Amino acid sequence: MNKKRFSTIFLMLGLLFLTIGISTDNTIYTWVSIIFVLLSLIFGGRWMRPRR
């Protein structure tokens, strides 16, 4: 699997956990969703590449 695929998977998991966290009012799911979204940015983020 390439990094772009991991980025998409982590983003979808982050959105899923955020939805669960908001609907159940559970902060653990919200923190896990933040971690997954950050991982998706790290794996597929163009923002980490140096500017030309």
Protein backbone atom coordinates (compact mmCIF):
# COMPACT_ATOMS: atom_id res chain seq x y z
CA MET A 1 0.00 0.00 0.00
CA ASN A 2 1.19 3.48 -0.70
CA LYS A 3 1.13 6.47 1.63
CA LYS A 4 -1.75 8.14 -0.18
CA ARG A 5 -3.97 5.12 0.52
CA PHE A 6 -3.02 5.18 4.21
CA SER A 7 -3.85 8.89 4.32
CA THR A 8 -7.36 8.26 2.99
CA ILE A 9 -7.96 5.38 5.39
CA PHE A 10 -6.81 7.39 8.40
CA LEU A 11 -8.95 10.35 7.34
CA MET A 12 -12.06 8.18 7.04
CA LEU A 13 -11.37 6.58 10.42
CA GLY A 14 -10.89 10.02 11.94
CA LEU A 15 -14.23 11.23 10.60
CA LEU A 16 -15.93 8.06 11.80
CA PHE A 17 -14.53 8.38 15.32
CA LEU A 18 -15.40 12.09 15.37
CA THR A 19 -19.00 11.30 14.49
CA ILE A 20 -19.17 8.62 17.20
CA GLY A 21 -17.54 10.95 19.72
CA ILE A 22 -19.92 13.81 19.03
CA SER A 23 -23.04 11.64 19.01
CA THR A 24 -22.18 9.83 22.25
CA ASP A 25 -20.54 12.86 23.90
CA ASN A 26 -17.42 10.80 24.59
CA THR A 27 -14.15 12.70 24.56
CA ILE A 28 -12.00 9.58 24.07
CA TYR A 29 -13.44 9.07 20.57
CA THR A 30 -12.86 12.73 19.80
CA TRP A 31 -9.19 12.53 20.81
CA VAL A 32 -8.74 9.35 18.78
CA SER A 33 -10.28 11.09 15.78
CA ILE A 34 -7.83 13.98 16.13
CA ILE A 35 -4.94 11.50 16.17
CA PHE A 36 -6.23 9.75 13.04
CA VAL A 37 -6.66 13.04 11.18
CA LEU A 38 -3.13 14.10 12.13
CA LEU A 39 -1.80 10.75 10.91
CA SER A 40 -3.59 11.23 7.61
CA LEU A 41 -1.97 14.65 7.25
CA ILE A 42 1.46 13.21 8.03
CA PHE A 43 1.17 10.29 5.60
CA GLY A 44 -0.38 12.12 2.68
CA GLY A 45 0.15 15.73 3.54
CA ARG A 46 1.65 17.91 0.87
CA TRP A 47 2.21 20.54 3.55
CA MET A 48 5.25 18.65 4.88
CA ARG A 49 7.14 18.82 1.58
CA PRO A 50 9.61 21.67 1.26
CA ARG A 51 8.57 24.59 -0.91
CA ARG A 52 10.38 25.17 -4.15
